[in-house]
């Protein structure tokens, strides 16, 4: 059960974090991150986050623990969403000022 919870939480974090980076890259907009703020690095980082998130989701084996793993996945998505919404992402707060 611990494995499903831990991997589900990590999968949620990676999947949710991939969204702003992938979509900013695909619409050719800049978005700050560690590897540069250009559209191409963001697109690649978002895609990479999706791939890692899906691999973590597969490793979590949510079929064995659907409630605990699903709740952890949802919590990971919520936490990353709150992180981005609060402007705590790398360089976002300074760019909005």
PDB file of N, CA and C in Angstrom:
ATOM      1  N   UNK A   1       0.822  -1.196   0.000  1.00  0.00           N
ATOM      2  CA  UNK A   1       0.000   0.000   0.000  1.00  0.00           C
ATOM      3  C   UNK A   1       0.865   1.258   0.000  1.00  0.00           C
ATOM      4  N   UNK A   2       1.970   1.229   0.747  1.00  0.00           N
ATOM      5  CA  UNK A   2       2.851   2.398   0.789  1.00  0.00           C
ATOM      6  C   UNK A   2       3.388   2.728  -0.602  1.00  0.00           C
ATOM      7  N   UNK A   3       3.722   1.700  -1.376  1.00  0.00           N
ATOM      8  CA  UNK A   3       4.243   1.919  -2.726  1.00  0.00           C
ATOM      9  C   UNK A   3       3.206   2.611  -3.603  1.00  0.00           C
ATOM     10  N   UNK A   4       1.964   2.172  -3.548  1.00  0.00           N
ATOM     11  CA  UNK A   4       0.907   2.788  -4.358  1.00  0.00           C
ATOM     12  C   UNK A   4       0.705   4.248  -3.965  1.00  0.00           C
ATOM     13  N   UNK A   5       0.767   4.534  -2.668  1.00  0.00           N
ATOM     14  CA  UNK A   5       0.579   5.907  -2.199  1.00  0.00           C
ATOM     15  C   UNK A   5       1.749   6.786  -2.624  1.00  0.00           C
ATOM     16  N   UNK A   6       2.970   6.338  -2.376  1.00  0.00           N
ATOM     17  CA  UNK A   6       4.154   7.139  -2.697  1.00  0.00           C
ATOM     18  C   UNK A   6       4.275   7.379  -4.203  1.00  0.00           C
ATOM     19  N   UNK A   7       4.125   6.318  -4.991  1.00  0.00           N
ATOM     20  CA  UNK A   7       4.259   6.464  -6.437  1.00  0.00           C
ATOM     21  C   UNK A   7       3.068   7.211  -7.041  1.00  0.00           C
ATOM     22  N   UNK A   8       1.884   7.032  -6.471  1.00  0.00           N
ATOM     23  CA  UNK A   8       0.718   7.782  -6.929  1.00  0.00           C
ATOM     24  C   UNK A   8       0.884   9.273  -6.682  1.00  0.00           C
ATOM     25  N   UNK A   9       1.397   9.632  -5.506  1.00  0.00           N
ATOM     26  CA  UNK A   9       1.641  11.036  -5.182  1.00  0.00           C
ATOM     27  C   UNK A   9       2.670  11.634  -6.139  1.00  0.00           C
ATOM     28  N   UNK A  10       3.767  10.935  -6.350  1.00  0.00           N
ATOM     29  CA  UNK A  10       4.802  11.419  -7.271  1.00  0.00           C
ATOM     30  C   UNK A  10       4.272  11.533  -8.700  1.00  0.00           C
ATOM     31  N   UNK A  11       3.472  10.569  -9.112  1.00  0.00           N
ATOM     32  CA  UNK A  11       2.892  10.621 -10.455  1.00  0.00           C
ATOM     33  C   UNK A  11       2.010  11.851 -10.603  1.00  0.00           C
ATOM     34  N   UNK A  12       1.202  12.138  -9.598  1.00  0.00           N
ATOM     35  CA  UNK A  12       0.350  13.327  -9.638  1.00  0.00           C
ATOM     36  C   UNK A  12       1.158  14.608  -9.721  1.00  0.00           C
ATOM     37  N   UNK A  13       2.236  14.675  -8.969  1.00  0.00           N
ATOM     38  CA  UNK A  13       3.101  15.859  -9.002  1.00  0.00           C
ATOM     39  C   UNK A  13       3.713  16.059 -10.390  1.00  0.00           C
ATOM     40  N   UNK A  14       4.248  14.984 -10.968  1.00  0.00           N
ATOM     41  CA  UNK A  14       4.878  15.091 -12.282  1.00  0.00           C
ATOM     42  C   UNK A  14       3.858  15.409 -13.379  1.00  0.00           C
ATOM     43  N   UNK A  15       2.721  14.737 -13.345  1.00  0.00           N
ATOM     44  CA  UNK A  15       1.713  14.964 -14.385  1.00  0.00           C
ATOM     45  C   UNK A  15       1.186  16.395 -14.332  1.00  0.00           C
ATOM     46  N   UNK A  16       0.887  16.884 -13.145  1.00  0.00           N
ATOM     47  CA  UNK A  16       0.371  18.252 -13.022  1.00  0.00           C
ATOM     48  C   UNK A  16       1.435  19.290 -13.370  1.00  0.00           C
ATOM     49  N   UNK A  17       2.678  19.030 -13.014  1.00  0.00           N
ATOM     50  CA  UNK A  17       3.745  19.977 -13.328  1.00  0.00           C
ATOM     51  C   UNK A  17       4.032  20.031 -14.829  1.00  0.00           C
ATOM     52  N   UNK A  18       3.751  18.965 -15.530  1.00  0.00           N
ATOM     53  CA  UNK A  18       3.980  18.962 -16.969  1.00  0.00           C
ATOM     54  C   UNK A  18       3.014  19.839 -17.739  1.00  0.00           C
ATOM     55  N   UNK A  19       1.829  20.066 -17.187  1.00  0.00           N
ATOM     56  CA  UNK A  19       0.785  20.811 -17.904  1.00  0.00           C
ATOM     57  C   UNK A  19       1.209  22.229 -18.281  1.00  0.00           C
ATOM     58  N   UNK A  20       1.606  23.094 -17.322  1.00  0.00           N
ATOM     59  CA  UNK A  20       1.942  24.469 -17.726  1.00  0.00           C
ATOM     60  C   UNK A  20       3.141  24.533 -18.668  1.00  0.00           C
ATOM     61  N   UNK A  21       4.123  23.665 -18.440  1.00  0.00           N
ATOM     62  CA  UNK A  21       5.310  23.696 -19.291  1.00  0.00           C
ATOM     63  C   UNK A  21       4.993  23.220 -20.709  1.00  0.00           C
ATOM     64  N   UNK A  22       4.260  22.131 -20.828  1.00  0.00           N
ATOM     65  CA  UNK A  22       3.918  21.620 -22.145  1.00  0.00           C
ATOM     66  C   UNK A  22       3.057  22.610 -22.924  1.00  0.00           C
ATOM     67  N   UNK A  23       2.043  23.150 -22.282  1.00  0.00           N
ATOM     68  CA  UNK A  23       1.148  24.050 -23.003  1.00  0.00           C
ATOM     69  C   UNK A  23       1.779  25.397 -23.311  1.00  0.00           C
ATOM     70  N   UNK A  24       2.639  25.905 -22.463  1.00  0.00           N
ATOM     71  CA  UNK A  24       3.357  27.141 -22.799  1.00  0.00           C
ATOM     72  C   UNK A  24       4.298  26.903 -23.978  1.00  0.00           C
ATOM     73  N   UNK A  25       4.891  25.732 -24.022  1.00  0.00           N
ATOM     74  CA  UNK A  25       5.769  25.406 -25.137  1.00  0.00           C
ATOM     75  C   UNK A  25       4.997  25.238 -26.429  1.00  0.00           C
ATOM     76  N   UNK A  26       3.848  24.574 -26.368  1.00  0.00           N
ATOM     77  CA  UNK A  26       3.103  24.271 -27.584  1.00  0.00           C
ATOM     78  C   UNK A  26       2.443  25.526 -28.191  1.00  0.00           C
ATOM     79  N   UNK A  27       2.203  26.547 -27.353  1.00  0.00           N
ATOM     80  CA  UNK A  27       1.633  27.794 -27.883  1.00  0.00           C
ATOM     81  C   UNK A  27       2.710  28.860 -28.092  1.00  0.00           C
ATOM     82  N   UNK A  28       3.971  28.432 -28.022  1.00  0.00           N
ATOM     83  CA  UNK A  28       5.114  29.299 -28.316  1.00  0.00           C
ATOM     84  C   UNK A  28       5.200  30.508 -27.378  1.00  0.00           C
ATOM     85  N   UNK A  29       5.012  30.254 -26.075  1.00  0.00           N
ATOM     86  CA  UNK A  29       5.146  31.314 -25.075  1.00  0.00           C
ATOM     87  C   UNK A  29       6.297  30.979 -24.131  1.00  0.00           C
ATOM     88  N   UNK A  30       6.865  32.013 -23.555  1.00  0.00           N
ATOM     89  CA  UNK A  30       7.938  31.829 -22.589  1.00  0.00           C
ATOM     90  C   UNK A  30       7.338  31.533 -21.224  1.00  0.00           C
ATOM     91  N   UNK A  31       8.019  30.692 -20.461  1.00  0.00           N
ATOM     92  CA  UNK A  31       7.600  30.368 -19.095  1.00  0.00           C
ATOM     93  C   UNK A  31       8.860  29.982 -18.338  1.00  0.00           C
ATOM     94  N   UNK A  32       9.145  30.654 -17.227  1.00  0.00           N
ATOM     95  CA  UNK A  32      10.418  30.417 -16.539  1.00  0.00           C
ATOM     96  C   UNK A  32      10.534  29.017 -15.953  1.00  0.00           C
ATOM     97  N   UNK A  33      11.717  28.481 -16.093  1.00  0.00           N
ATOM     98  CA  UNK A  33      12.060  27.206 -15.462  1.00  0.00           C
ATOM     99  C   UNK A  33      13.577  27.106 -15.384  1.00  0.00           C
ATOM    100  N   UNK A  34      14.071  26.078 -14.782  1.00  0.00           N
ATOM    101  CA  UNK A  34      15.498  25.921 -14.528  1.00  0.00           C
ATOM    102  C   UNK A  34      16.311  25.856 -15.820  1.00  0.00           C
ATOM    103  N   UNK A  35      15.801  25.204 -16.853  1.00  0.00           N
ATOM    104  CA  UNK A  35      16.561  24.986 -18.085  1.00  0.00           C
ATOM    105  C   UNK A  35      16.368  26.083 -19.118  1.00  0.00           C
ATOM    106  N   UNK A  36      15.829  27.224 -18.754  1.00  0.00           N
ATOM    107  CA  UNK A  36      15.569  28.313 -19.679  1.00  0.00           C
ATOM    108  C   UNK A  36      14.077  28.515 -19.817  1.00  0.00           C
ATOM    109  N   UNK A  37      13.691  29.681 -20.286  1.00  0.00           N
ATOM    110  CA  UNK A  37      12.262  29.994 -20.323  1.00  0.00           C
ATOM    111  C   UNK A  37      11.672  29.935 -21.724  1.00  0.00           C
ATOM    112  N   UNK A  38      12.428  29.471 -22.683  1.00  0.00           N
ATOM    113  CA  UNK A  38      11.941  29.416 -24.062  1.00  0.00           C
ATOM    114  C   UNK A  38      10.887  28.343 -24.268  1.00  0.00           C
ATOM    115  N   UNK A  39      10.155  28.439 -25.366  1.00  0.00           N
ATOM    116  CA  UNK A  39       9.098  27.471 -25.658  1.00  0.00           C
ATOM    117  C   UNK A  39       9.603  26.040 -25.846  1.00  0.00           C
ATOM    118  N   UNK A  40      10.730  25.863 -26.535  1.00  0.00           N
ATOM    119  CA  UNK A  40      11.218  24.502 -26.807  1.00  0.00           C
ATOM    120  C   UNK A  40      11.656  23.791 -25.519  1.00  0.00           C
ATOM    121  N   UNK A  41      12.457  24.433 -24.649  1.00  0.00           N
ATOM    122  CA  UNK A  41      12.798  23.745 -23.401  1.00  0.00           C
ATOM    123  C   UNK A  41      11.561  23.427 -22.550  1.00  0.00           C
ATOM    124  N   UNK A  42      10.572  24.322 -22.568  1.00  0.00           N
ATOM    125  CA  UNK A  42       9.358  24.072 -21.810  1.00  0.00           C
ATOM    126  C   UNK A  42       8.570  22.905 -22.384  1.00  0.00           C
ATOM    127  N   UNK A  43       8.477  22.847 -23.694  1.00  0.00           N
ATOM    128  CA  UNK A  43       7.767  21.745 -24.336  1.00  0.00           C
ATOM    129  C   UNK A  43       8.425  20.411 -23.983  1.00  0.00           C
ATOM    130  N   UNK A  44       9.745  20.370 -24.063  1.00  0.00           N
ATOM    131  CA  UNK A  44      10.478  19.141 -23.751  1.00  0.00           C
ATOM    132  C   UNK A  44      10.330  18.786 -22.268  1.00  0.00           C
ATOM    133  N   UNK A  45      10.409  19.785 -21.391  1.00  0.00           N
ATOM    134  CA  UNK A  45      10.256  19.522 -19.955  1.00  0.00           C
ATOM    135  C   UNK A  45       8.844  19.033 -19.631  1.00  0.00           C
ATOM    136  N   UNK A  46       7.845  19.628 -20.262  1.00  0.00           N
ATOM    137  CA  UNK A  46       6.472  19.185 -20.043  1.00  0.00           C
ATOM    138  C   UNK A  46       6.257  17.766 -20.532  1.00  0.00           C
ATOM    139  N   UNK A  47       6.760  17.479 -21.715  1.00  0.00           N
ATOM    140  CA  UNK A  47       6.649  16.129 -22.274  1.00  0.00           C
ATOM    141  C   UNK A  47       7.364  15.125 -21.372  1.00  0.00           C
ATOM    142  N   UNK A  48       8.555  15.497 -20.917  1.00  0.00           N
ATOM    143  CA  UNK A  48       9.310  14.623 -20.027  1.00  0.00           C
ATOM    144  C   UNK A  48       8.570  14.370 -18.714  1.00  0.00           C
ATOM    145  N   UNK A  49       7.924  15.396 -18.189  1.00  0.00           N
ATOM    146  CA  UNK A  49       7.140  15.231 -16.962  1.00  0.00           C
ATOM    147  C   UNK A  49       5.971  14.279 -17.186  1.00  0.00           C
ATOM    148  N   UNK A  50       5.330  14.375 -18.353  1.00  0.00           N
ATOM    149  CA  UNK A  50       4.238  13.449 -18.673  1.00  0.00           C
ATOM    150  C   UNK A  50       4.747  12.008 -18.742  1.00  0.00           C
ATOM    151  N   UNK A  51       5.874  11.815 -19.391  1.00  0.00           N
ATOM    152  CA  UNK A  51       6.435  10.473 -19.532  1.00  0.00           C
ATOM    153  C   UNK A  51       6.783   9.894 -18.158  1.00  0.00           C
ATOM    154  N   UNK A  52       7.473  10.674 -17.339  1.00  0.00           N
ATOM    155  CA  UNK A  52       7.838  10.210 -15.996  1.00  0.00           C
ATOM    156  C   UNK A  52       6.584   9.939 -15.171  1.00  0.00           C
ATOM    157  N   UNK A  53       5.598  10.826 -15.261  1.00  0.00           N
ATOM    158  CA  UNK A  53       4.353  10.635 -14.518  1.00  0.00           C
ATOM    159  C   UNK A  53       3.636   9.353 -14.907  1.00  0.00           C
ATOM    160  N   UNK A  54       3.586   9.060 -16.197  1.00  0.00           N
ATOM    161  CA  UNK A  54       2.929   7.836 -16.660  1.00  0.00           C
ATOM    162  C   UNK A  54       3.709   6.599 -16.202  1.00  0.00           C
ATOM    163  N   UNK A  55       5.031   6.664 -16.260  1.00  0.00           N
ATOM    164  CA  UNK A  55       5.836   5.535 -15.785  1.00  0.00           C
ATOM    165  C   UNK A  55       5.638   5.306 -14.284  1.00  0.00           C
ATOM    166  N   UNK A  56       5.575   6.397 -13.517  1.00  0.00           N
ATOM    167  CA  UNK A  56       5.324   6.266 -12.084  1.00  0.00           C
ATOM    168  C   UNK A  56       3.929   5.708 -11.821  1.00  0.00           C
ATOM    169  N   UNK A  57       2.972   6.143 -12.625  1.00  0.00           N
ATOM    170  CA  UNK A  57       1.603   5.652 -12.487  1.00  0.00           C
ATOM    171  C   UNK A  57       1.533   4.158 -12.772  1.00  0.00           C
ATOM    172  N   UNK A  58       2.247   3.713 -13.776  1.00  0.00           N
ATOM    173  CA  UNK A  58       2.284   2.283 -14.091  1.00  0.00           C
ATOM    174  C   UNK A  58       2.948   1.497 -12.964  1.00  0.00           C
ATOM    175  N   UNK A  59       4.013   2.050 -12.392  1.00  0.00           N
ATOM    176  CA  UNK A  59       4.710   1.373 -11.301  1.00  0.00           C
ATOM    177  C   UNK A  59       3.897   1.369 -10.011  1.00  0.00           C
ATOM    178  N   UNK A  60       2.995   2.338  -9.861  1.00  0.00           N
ATOM    179  CA  UNK A  60       2.186   2.421  -8.641  1.00  0.00           C
ATOM    180  C   UNK A  60       1.203   1.269  -8.525  1.00  0.00           C
ATOM    181  N   UNK A  61       0.845   0.649  -9.632  1.00  0.00           N
ATOM    182  CA  UNK A  61      -0.095  -0.473  -9.643  1.00  0.00           C
ATOM    183  C   UNK A  61      -1.371  -0.120  -8.880  1.00  0.00           C
ATOM    184  N   UNK A  62      -2.088   0.884  -9.397  1.00  0.00           N
ATOM    185  CA  UNK A  62      -3.298   1.349  -8.737  1.00  0.00           C
ATOM    186  C   UNK A  62      -4.409   0.316  -8.744  1.00  0.00           C
ATOM    187  N   UNK A  63      -4.290  -0.720  -9.557  1.00  0.00           N
ATOM    188  CA  UNK A  63      -5.276  -1.788  -9.544  1.00  0.00           C
ATOM    189  C   UNK A  63      -5.294  -2.529  -8.218  1.00  0.00           C
ATOM    190  N   UNK A  64      -4.145  -2.619  -7.567  1.00  0.00           N
ATOM    191  CA  UNK A  64      -4.051  -3.312  -6.284  1.00  0.00           C
ATOM    192  C   UNK A  64      -4.576  -2.450  -5.134  1.00  0.00           C
ATOM    193  N   UNK A  65      -4.350  -1.151  -5.199  1.00  0.00           N
ATOM    194  CA  UNK A  65      -4.790  -0.219  -4.154  1.00  0.00           C
ATOM    195  C   UNK A  65      -5.459   0.995  -4.811  1.00  0.00           C
ATOM    196  N   UNK A  66      -6.640   0.838  -5.396  1.00  0.00           N
ATOM    197  CA  UNK A  66      -7.236   1.930  -6.157  1.00  0.00           C
ATOM    198  C   UNK A  66      -7.624   3.145  -5.320  1.00  0.00           C
ATOM    199  N   UNK A  67      -8.109   2.941  -4.115  1.00  0.00           N
ATOM    200  CA  UNK A  67      -8.553   4.075  -3.297  1.00  0.00           C
ATOM    201  C   UNK A  67      -7.356   4.860  -2.765  1.00  0.00           C
ATOM    202  N   UNK A  68      -6.429   4.174  -2.122  1.00  0.00           N
ATOM    203  CA  UNK A  68      -5.265   4.853  -1.547  1.00  0.00           C
ATOM    204  C   UNK A  68      -4.387   5.471  -2.631  1.00  0.00           C
ATOM    205  N   UNK A  69      -4.124   4.714  -3.692  1.00  0.00           N
ATOM    206  CA  UNK A  69      -3.291   5.231  -4.778  1.00  0.00           C
ATOM    207  C   UNK A  69      -3.977   6.355  -5.526  1.00  0.00           C
ATOM    208  N   UNK A  70      -5.258   6.222  -5.774  1.00  0.00           N
ATOM    209  CA  UNK A  70      -6.009   7.279  -6.467  1.00  0.00           C
ATOM    210  C   UNK A  70      -6.090   8.551  -5.645  1.00  0.00           C
ATOM    211  N   UNK A  71      -6.275   8.402  -4.333  1.00  0.00           N
ATOM    212  CA  UNK A  71      -6.301   9.578  -3.459  1.00  0.00           C
ATOM    213  C   UNK A  71      -4.942  10.272  -3.447  1.00  0.00           C
ATOM    214  N   UNK A  72      -3.873   9.489  -3.421  1.00  0.00           N
ATOM    215  CA  UNK A  72      -2.524  10.067  -3.440  1.00  0.00           C
ATOM    216  C   UNK A  72      -2.265  10.770  -4.766  1.00  0.00           C
ATOM    217  N   UNK A  73      -2.722  10.182  -5.867  1.00  0.00           N
ATOM    218  CA  UNK A  73      -2.587  10.803  -7.185  1.00  0.00           C
ATOM    219  C   UNK A  73      -3.314  12.145  -7.207  1.00  0.00           C
ATOM    220  N   UNK A  74      -4.559  12.158  -6.726  1.00  0.00           N
ATOM    221  CA  UNK A  74      -5.344  13.394  -6.692  1.00  0.00           C
ATOM    222  C   UNK A  74      -4.689  14.446  -5.804  1.00  0.00           C
ATOM    223  N   UNK A  75      -4.126  14.011  -4.678  1.00  0.00           N
ATOM    224  CA  UNK A  75      -3.439  14.940  -3.786  1.00  0.00           C
ATOM    225  C   UNK A  75      -2.207  15.537  -4.452  1.00  0.00           C
ATOM    226  N   UNK A  76      -1.456  14.728  -5.175  1.00  0.00           N
ATOM    227  CA  UNK A  76      -0.284  15.231  -5.891  1.00  0.00           C
ATOM    228  C   UNK A  76      -0.653  16.272  -6.932  1.00  0.00           C
ATOM    229  N   UNK A  77      -1.728  16.026  -7.670  1.00  0.00           N
ATOM    230  CA  UNK A  77      -2.198  16.997  -8.664  1.00  0.00           C
ATOM    231  C   UNK A  77      -2.619  18.286  -7.976  1.00  0.00           C
ATOM    232  N   UNK A  78      -3.355  18.173  -6.877  1.00  0.00           N
ATOM    233  CA  UNK A  78      -3.799  19.356  -6.140  1.00  0.00           C
ATOM    234  C   UNK A  78      -2.620  20.156  -5.597  1.00  0.00           C
ATOM    235  N   UNK A  79      -1.659  19.478  -4.987  1.00  0.00           N
ATOM    236  CA  UNK A  79      -0.500  20.179  -4.426  1.00  0.00           C
ATOM    237  C   UNK A  79       0.294  20.922  -5.498  1.00  0.00           C
ATOM    238  N   UNK A  80       0.513  20.286  -6.641  1.00  0.00           N
ATOM    239  CA  UNK A  80       1.262  20.961  -7.697  1.00  0.00           C
ATOM    240  C   UNK A  80       0.446  22.115  -8.275  1.00  0.00           C
ATOM    241  N   UNK A  81      -0.856  21.940  -8.382  1.00  0.00           N
ATOM    242  CA  UNK A  81      -1.701  23.028  -8.849  1.00  0.00           C
ATOM    243  C   UNK A  81      -1.651  24.221  -7.914  1.00  0.00           C
ATOM    244  N   UNK A  82      -1.698  23.970  -6.620  1.00  0.00           N
ATOM    245  CA  UNK A  82      -1.593  25.054  -5.644  1.00  0.00           C
ATOM    246  C   UNK A  82      -0.227  25.723  -5.704  1.00  0.00           C
ATOM    247  N   UNK A  83       0.809  24.940  -5.913  1.00  0.00           N
ATOM    248  CA  UNK A  83       2.170  25.467  -6.027  1.00  0.00           C
ATOM    249  C   UNK A  83       2.263  26.454  -7.189  1.00  0.00           C
ATOM    250  N   UNK A  84       1.724  26.065  -8.343  1.00  0.00           N
ATOM    251  CA  UNK A  84       1.770  26.950  -9.505  1.00  0.00           C
ATOM    252  C   UNK A  84       0.821  28.135  -9.344  1.00  0.00           C
ATOM    253  N   UNK A  85      -0.361  27.906  -8.787  1.00  0.00           N
ATOM    254  CA  UNK A  85      -1.333  28.978  -8.622  1.00  0.00           C
ATOM    255  C   UNK A  85      -0.843  30.052  -7.648  1.00  0.00           C
ATOM    256  N   UNK A  86      -0.049  29.650  -6.664  1.00  0.00           N
ATOM    257  CA  UNK A  86       0.476  30.593  -5.682  1.00  0.00           C
ATOM    258  C   UNK A  86       1.682  31.367  -6.210  1.00  0.00           C
ATOM    259  N   UNK A  87       2.139  31.039  -7.412  1.00  0.00           N
ATOM    260  CA  UNK A  87       3.287  31.745  -7.978  1.00  0.00           C
ATOM    261  C   UNK A  87       4.608  31.323  -7.380  1.00  0.00           C
ATOM    262  N   UNK A  88       4.674  30.127  -6.832  1.00  0.00           N
ATOM    263  CA  UNK A  88       5.903  29.656  -6.205  1.00  0.00           C
ATOM    264  C   UNK A  88       6.832  28.950  -7.179  1.00  0.00           C
ATOM    265  N   UNK A  89       6.395  28.747  -8.409  1.00  0.00           N
ATOM    266  CA  UNK A  89       7.221  28.079  -9.404  1.00  0.00           C
ATOM    267  C   UNK A  89       8.443  28.945  -9.715  1.00  0.00           C
ATOM    268  N   UNK A  90       9.488  28.314 -10.181  1.00  0.00           N
ATOM    269  CA  UNK A  90      10.782  28.960 -10.433  1.00  0.00           C
ATOM    270  C   UNK A  90      10.640  30.214 -11.289  1.00  0.00           C
ATOM    271  N   UNK A  91      10.903  31.374 -10.707  1.00  0.00           N
ATOM    272  CA  UNK A  91      10.941  32.624 -11.462  1.00  0.00           C
ATOM    273  C   UNK A  91       9.591  33.209 -11.809  1.00  0.00           C
ATOM    274  N   UNK A  92       8.495  32.576 -11.513  1.00  0.00           N
ATOM    275  CA  UNK A  92       7.193  33.097 -11.902  1.00  0.00           C
ATOM    276  C   UNK A  92       6.824  34.324 -11.101  1.00  0.00           C
ATOM    277  N   UNK A  93       7.056  34.305  -9.788  1.00  0.00           N
ATOM    278  CA  UNK A  93       6.692  35.436  -8.937  1.00  0.00           C
ATOM    279  C   UNK A  93       7.458  36.682  -9.355  1.00  0.00           C
ATOM    280  N   UNK A  94       8.739  36.545  -9.653  1.00  0.00           N
ATOM    281  CA  UNK A  94       9.527  37.710 -10.049  1.00  0.00           C
ATOM    282  C   UNK A  94       9.127  38.216 -11.435  1.00  0.00           C
ATOM    283  N   UNK A  95       8.638  37.329 -12.299  1.00  0.00           N
ATOM    284  CA  UNK A  95       8.225  37.746 -13.637  1.00  0.00           C
ATOM    285  C   UNK A  95       6.897  38.487 -13.610  1.00  0.00           C
ATOM    286  N   UNK A  96       6.021  38.167 -12.666  1.00  0.00           N
ATOM    287  CA  UNK A  96       4.706  38.802 -12.571  1.00  0.00           C
ATOM    288  C   UNK A  96       4.763  40.139 -11.866  1.00  0.00           C
ATOM    289  N   UNK A  97       5.834  40.422 -11.131  1.00  0.00           N
ATOM    290  CA  UNK A  97       5.938  41.661 -10.374  1.00  0.00           C
ATOM    291  C   UNK A  97       6.115  42.865 -11.269  1.00  0.00           C
TER     292      UNK A  97
END
